[in-house]
Amino acid sequence: MELISKVSKGTKMDQIYIPKNRSGFGVGSYVLIQSMRVQEQTEKPYFHNIQSIEPLKLEIINQIFNIIPNQIENYENIIITGSFLDEGFNFKDIDLIIVSEDKLDEALIKKEIEEILKIKIHIITLNNKTLIKGLSTDPLYQMMLSKCISKKRFIYKIQSKIDYKLLDIHLLKSELLILNFDHLNGHEKYYLTRNMIAISLFLKHEKIDKEKIDKEIKKIFNLKDINEIKQNILNKDKFLKEYKFIYKDTFNKIMENIKNDSK
């Protein structure tokens, strides 16, 4: 027999009340008192540029939103982003942003979620100031939050400010595709291409979001479907020729502005 009851505050000792009309647990019986994790009432999450999502994914998101408050006391928001939110179940992990002014134990939070959900978690923890700065200067931050689901509502009014040295560091990652084309899988090629195109669009002061970037990739590389990259069925010579041109053009624009800023 199991009974669920709540600890009540007493004058000298706290106590637990159980019904008199019960079968079992006679007066004088020894019982084990064990803490029980009561799931929070599910709050409706906030959808940002997402029309719909699979019910199973929404259930996973609600579980994450309930698990994290058991691990940390103070946080501003919890945000789910990345490929997990794309249609279907072709994702490797869940990208999770925790906005908090406190220093958090990422490893402990990650372990707790992964043990319960059996899904790999990638966590970024930052404070509001860092997040706003990232959204202002980093196209990758803008892309991440252009499509997301959050525990709490957020509205960030930002004014883009181009940090050319930061963009130079980000663009360097995409050079790996040129150097290691034959050794990369389709998803790695897509990630590096998306990174380069996001930077290129940011330099033109254009809005950064995943749909716009995918559309630009298809246009530049003359693809019928973005999955041609993800499924690794590209025409190597044709793709690399265009890729090198865009990379060089983007790199030159960044270098030119770095030189001008140093004058």
Protein backbone atom coordinates (compact mmCIF):
# COMPACT_ATOMS: atom_id res chain seq x y z
CA MET A 1 0.00 0.00 0.00
CA GLU A 2 1.20 3.53 -0.79
CA LEU A 3 -0.17 6.86 0.41
CA ILE A 4 0.87 10.32 -0.74
CA SER A 5 0.79 13.01 1.89
CA LYS A 6 2.35 16.37 2.61
CA VAL A 7 4.58 17.38 5.51
CA SER A 8 2.75 19.85 7.76
CA LYS A 9 4.32 22.28 10.20
CA GLY A 10 3.66 21.48 13.85
CA THR A 11 4.31 23.38 17.08
CA LYS A 12 7.16 21.18 18.33
CA MET A 13 7.55 18.67 15.50
CA ASP A 14 6.52 18.62 11.86
CA GLN A 15 4.05 15.87 10.97
CA ILE A 16 2.46 13.91 8.16
CA TYR A 17 -1.30 13.24 8.23
CA ILE A 18 -2.82 10.11 6.68
CA PRO A 19 -6.53 9.14 6.45
CA LYS A 20 -8.04 7.24 9.39
CA ASN A 21 -10.06 5.12 7.00
CA ARG A 22 -7.33 3.07 5.35
CA SER A 23 -6.28 -0.52 4.86
CA GLY A 24 -2.81 -1.09 6.28
CA PHE A 25 -0.46 1.13 8.22
CA GLY A 26 -1.91 0.28 11.61
CA VAL A 27 -1.13 2.44 14.62
CA GLY A 28 2.34 1.50 15.87
CA SER A 29 3.51 0.25 12.46
CA TYR A 30 6.96 1.25 11.24
CA VAL A 31 6.91 3.04 7.89
CA LEU A 32 9.53 4.50 5.54
CA ILE A 33 9.25 8.20 4.76
CA GLN A 34 10.82 9.07 1.40
CA SER A 35 11.00 12.35 -0.49
CA MET A 36 8.97 12.43 -3.67
CA ARG A 37 9.67 14.67 -6.67
CA VAL A 38 6.36 16.26 -7.55
CA GLN A 39 6.25 17.33 -11.18
CA GLU A 40 5.48 20.98 -11.65
CA GLN A 41 2.28 21.90 -13.30
CA THR A 42 3.05 22.07 -16.99
CA GLU A 43 3.23 25.65 -18.19
CA LYS A 44 2.70 26.48 -21.80
CA PRO A 45 6.10 27.21 -23.36
CA TYR A 46 6.67 30.16 -25.68
CA PHE A 47 7.17 29.37 -29.37
CA HIS A 48 9.38 31.68 -31.44
CA ASN A 49 8.97 31.27 -35.23
CA ILE A 50 7.73 27.69 -34.79
CA GLN A 51 4.31 26.84 -36.14
CA SER A 52 4.12 23.29 -34.82
CA ILE A 53 6.19 20.56 -33.20
CA GLU A 54 5.75 16.84 -32.67
CA PRO A 55 3.91 15.97 -29.41
CA LEU A 56 6.78 13.73 -28.27
CA LYS A 57 9.27 16.57 -28.62
CA LEU A 58 6.98 18.92 -26.73
CA GLU A 59 6.76 16.37 -23.93
CA ILE A 60 10.58 16.18 -23.81
CA ILE A 61 10.81 19.98 -23.69
CA ASN A 62 8.31 20.17 -20.81
CA GLN A 63 10.33 17.57 -18.92
CA ILE A 64 13.50 19.63 -19.37
CA PHE A 65 11.68 22.77 -18.20
CA ASN A 66 10.61 20.86 -15.07
CA ILE A 67 13.97 19.19 -14.35
CA ILE A 68 16.19 22.28 -14.43
CA PRO A 69 14.41 24.27 -11.67
CA ASN A 70 15.12 21.28 -9.39
CA GLN A 71 18.84 21.80 -10.02
CA ILE A 72 19.19 25.59 -9.86
CA GLU A 73 17.49 28.26 -7.77
CA ASN A 74 17.81 31.37 -9.91
CA TYR A 75 17.52 31.62 -13.67
CA GLU A 76 16.15 34.15 -16.14
CA ASN A 77 15.08 31.74 -18.84
CA ILE A 78 15.54 28.30 -20.37
CA ILE A 79 15.68 28.12 -24.16
CA ILE A 80 15.63 25.12 -26.50
CA THR A 81 17.11 25.66 -29.96
CA GLY A 82 18.94 23.84 -32.75
CA SER A 83 18.12 20.90 -35.01
CA PHE A 84 15.92 19.29 -32.34
CA LEU A 85 13.22 21.77 -33.37
CA ASP A 86 13.37 20.81 -37.06
CA GLU A 87 10.68 18.56 -38.45
CA GLY A 88 11.36 14.86 -37.88
CA PHE A 89 13.74 13.10 -35.52
CA ASN A 90 17.05 13.51 -37.33
CA PHE A 91 18.97 15.14 -34.46
CA LYS A 92 21.98 14.08 -32.40
CA ASP A 93 21.40 16.14 -29.28
CA ILE A 94 19.34 18.95 -27.78
CA ASP A 95 20.82 22.46 -27.67
CA LEU A 96 19.91 24.16 -24.42
CA ILE A 97 20.57 27.76 -23.35
CA ILE A 98 20.20 28.64 -19.66
CA VAL A 99 20.14 32.37 -18.93
CA SER A 100 21.20 33.06 -15.36
CA GLU A 101 23.21 35.60 -13.40
CA ASP A 102 24.58 32.81 -11.18
CA LYS A 103 27.46 30.50 -12.00
CA LEU A 104 25.92 27.10 -12.79
CA ASP A 105 27.25 23.56 -12.68
CA GLU A 106 26.68 22.64 -16.34
CA ALA A 107 28.03 19.10 -15.89
CA LEU A 108 25.57 18.33 -13.08
CA ILE A 109 22.58 19.72 -15.00
CA LYS A 110 23.62 17.85 -18.14
CA LYS A 111 24.03 14.58 -16.21
CA GLU A 112 20.63 14.91 -14.53
CA ILE A 113 18.77 15.56 -17.79
CA GLU A 114 20.60 12.84 -19.73
CA GLU A 115 19.97 10.25 -17.01
CA ILE A 116 16.24 10.96 -17.07
CA LEU A 117 15.66 11.49 -20.81
CA LYS A 118 18.45 9.28 -22.24
CA ILE A 119 19.18 12.00 -24.82
CA LYS A 120 22.47 13.87 -25.30
CA ILE A 121 22.34 17.50 -24.14
CA HIS A 122 24.52 20.46 -25.18
CA ILE A 123 24.30 23.31 -22.67
CA ILE A 124 25.27 26.96 -22.98
CA THR A 125 24.98 29.04 -19.81
CA LEU A 126 25.23 32.83 -19.94
CA ASN A 127 23.83 35.94 -18.35
CA ASN A 128 21.51 38.48 -19.96
CA LYS A 129 24.31 40.94 -20.70
CA THR A 130 26.33 38.33 -22.58
CA LEU A 131 23.27 37.13 -24.47
CA ILE A 132 22.31 40.64 -25.62
CA LYS A 133 25.90 41.35 -26.66
CA GLY A 134 25.99 38.07 -28.59
CA LEU A 135 22.75 38.89 -30.38
CA SER A 136 24.15 42.29 -31.35
CA THR A 137 27.53 41.14 -32.67
CA ASP A 138 27.30 37.45 -33.49
CA PRO A 139 25.24 36.06 -36.41
CA LEU A 140 25.34 32.59 -34.85
CA TYR A 141 23.49 33.86 -31.76
CA GLN A 142 20.90 35.49 -34.01
CA MET A 143 20.46 32.27 -35.94
CA MET A 144 20.11 30.21 -32.75
CA LEU A 145 17.37 32.39 -31.29
CA SER A 146 15.57 33.03 -34.57
CA LYS A 147 13.82 29.70 -34.00
CA CYS A 148 13.45 28.44 -30.45
CA ILE A 149 11.13 27.43 -27.61
CA SER A 150 11.54 29.11 -24.23
CA LYS A 151 10.16 28.55 -20.75
CA LYS A 152 9.52 32.26 -20.28
CA ARG A 153 8.63 34.99 -22.73
CA PHE A 154 11.55 37.08 -23.95
CA ILE A 155 11.77 40.21 -26.09
CA TYR A 156 15.23 41.48 -27.00
CA LYS A 157 15.56 44.82 -28.75
CA ILE A 158 18.99 44.74 -30.31
CA GLN A 159 21.01 46.91 -32.61
CA SER A 160 23.48 44.95 -34.72
CA LYS A 161 27.10 45.97 -34.32
CA ILE A 162 29.64 44.22 -36.52
CA ASP A 163 32.73 42.93 -34.72
CA TYR A 164 35.01 42.06 -37.65
CA LYS A 165 37.62 40.29 -35.53
CA LEU A 166 34.95 38.03 -34.06
CA LEU A 167 33.62 37.27 -37.55
CA ASP A 168 37.15 36.45 -38.70
CA ILE A 169 37.43 33.83 -35.95
CA HIS A 170 34.03 32.34 -36.85
CA LEU A 171 34.80 32.28 -40.58
CA LEU A 172 38.03 30.38 -39.97
CA LYS A 173 35.94 27.35 -38.96
CA SER A 174 34.41 27.19 -42.44
CA GLU A 175 37.83 26.89 -44.06
CA LEU A 176 37.83 23.30 -42.80
CA LEU A 177 35.39 22.35 -45.56
CA ILE A 178 37.89 23.45 -48.22
CA LEU A 179 40.76 21.61 -46.54
CA ASN A 180 38.90 18.42 -45.56
CA PHE A 181 36.01 18.06 -48.00
CA ASP A 182 36.49 14.32 -48.57
CA HIS A 183 36.69 13.55 -44.85
CA LEU A 184 33.58 15.42 -43.72
CA ASN A 185 30.09 13.95 -43.55
CA GLY A 186 27.05 15.73 -44.94
CA HIS A 187 25.95 17.32 -41.67
CA GLU A 188 29.44 18.69 -41.03
CA LYS A 189 29.51 20.21 -44.53
CA TYR A 190 26.10 21.76 -43.96
CA TYR A 191 27.18 23.25 -40.61
CA LEU A 192 30.33 24.83 -42.10
CA THR A 193 28.45 26.14 -45.14
CA ARG A 194 25.69 27.58 -42.95
CA ASN A 195 28.31 29.26 -40.77
CA MET A 196 29.92 30.97 -43.78
CA ILE A 197 26.62 32.10 -45.31
CA ALA A 198 25.39 33.46 -41.96
CA ILE A 199 28.51 35.62 -41.72
CA SER A 200 28.14 36.76 -45.33
CA LEU A 201 24.53 37.84 -44.73
CA PHE A 202 25.44 39.54 -41.44
CA LEU A 203 28.04 41.66 -43.26
CA LYS A 204 25.23 42.84 -45.56
CA HIS A 205 23.18 43.83 -42.48
CA GLU A 206 20.53 41.28 -43.38
CA LYS A 207 18.31 39.46 -40.92
CA ILE A 208 19.73 36.12 -39.83
CA ASP A 209 17.50 33.10 -39.44
CA LYS A 210 17.79 29.45 -40.41
CA GLU A 211 15.18 29.57 -43.19
CA LYS A 212 16.82 32.58 -44.85
CA ILE A 213 20.25 30.96 -44.65
CA ASP A 214 18.99 27.68 -46.14
CA LYS A 215 17.29 29.62 -48.93
CA GLU A 216 20.53 31.49 -49.64
CA ILE A 217 22.54 28.25 -49.68
CA LYS A 218 20.19 26.69 -52.20
CA LYS A 219 20.35 29.81 -54.37
CA ILE A 220 24.15 30.19 -54.30
CA PHE A 221 24.95 26.51 -54.87
CA ASN A 222 22.00 25.86 -57.20
CA LEU A 223 20.51 23.12 -55.02
CA LYS A 224 16.97 21.81 -55.29
CA ASP A 225 16.97 20.69 -51.68
CA ILE A 226 19.17 21.56 -48.70
CA ASN A 227 19.39 17.82 -47.98
CA GLU A 228 21.76 17.48 -50.94
CA ILE A 229 24.40 18.78 -48.54
CA LYS A 230 23.22 16.87 -45.48
CA GLN A 231 23.04 13.61 -47.44
CA ASN A 232 26.52 14.24 -48.87
CA ILE A 233 25.52 13.92 -52.53
CA LEU A 234 27.17 17.10 -53.80
CA ASN A 235 29.09 17.59 -57.03
CA LYS A 236 32.46 18.18 -55.38
CA ASP A 237 34.17 20.30 -58.05
CA LYS A 238 31.14 22.47 -58.74
CA PHE A 239 30.34 22.98 -55.05
CA LEU A 240 33.92 23.74 -53.99
CA LYS A 241 34.43 26.24 -56.80
CA GLU A 242 31.49 28.33 -55.61
CA TYR A 243 32.31 27.76 -51.93
CA LYS A 244 35.90 29.01 -52.34
CA PHE A 245 34.64 32.11 -54.16
CA ILE A 246 32.17 33.00 -51.38
CA TYR A 247 34.73 32.23 -48.67
CA LYS A 248 37.40 34.42 -50.27
CA ASP A 249 34.95 37.27 -50.88
CA THR A 250 33.71 37.15 -47.27
CA PHE A 251 37.24 36.89 -45.89
CA ASN A 252 38.43 39.89 -47.94
CA LYS A 253 35.54 42.05 -46.72
CA ILE A 254 36.36 41.21 -43.11
CA MET A 255 40.09 41.87 -43.56
CA GLU A 256 39.43 45.16 -45.31
CA ASN A 257 37.30 46.40 -42.42
CA ILE A 258 39.77 45.17 -39.79
CA LYS A 259 42.48 47.23 -41.55
CA ASN A 260 40.22 50.28 -41.74
CA ASP A 261 39.35 49.98 -38.04
CA SER A 262 43.04 49.86 -37.11
CA LYS A 263 43.83 53.12 -38.89
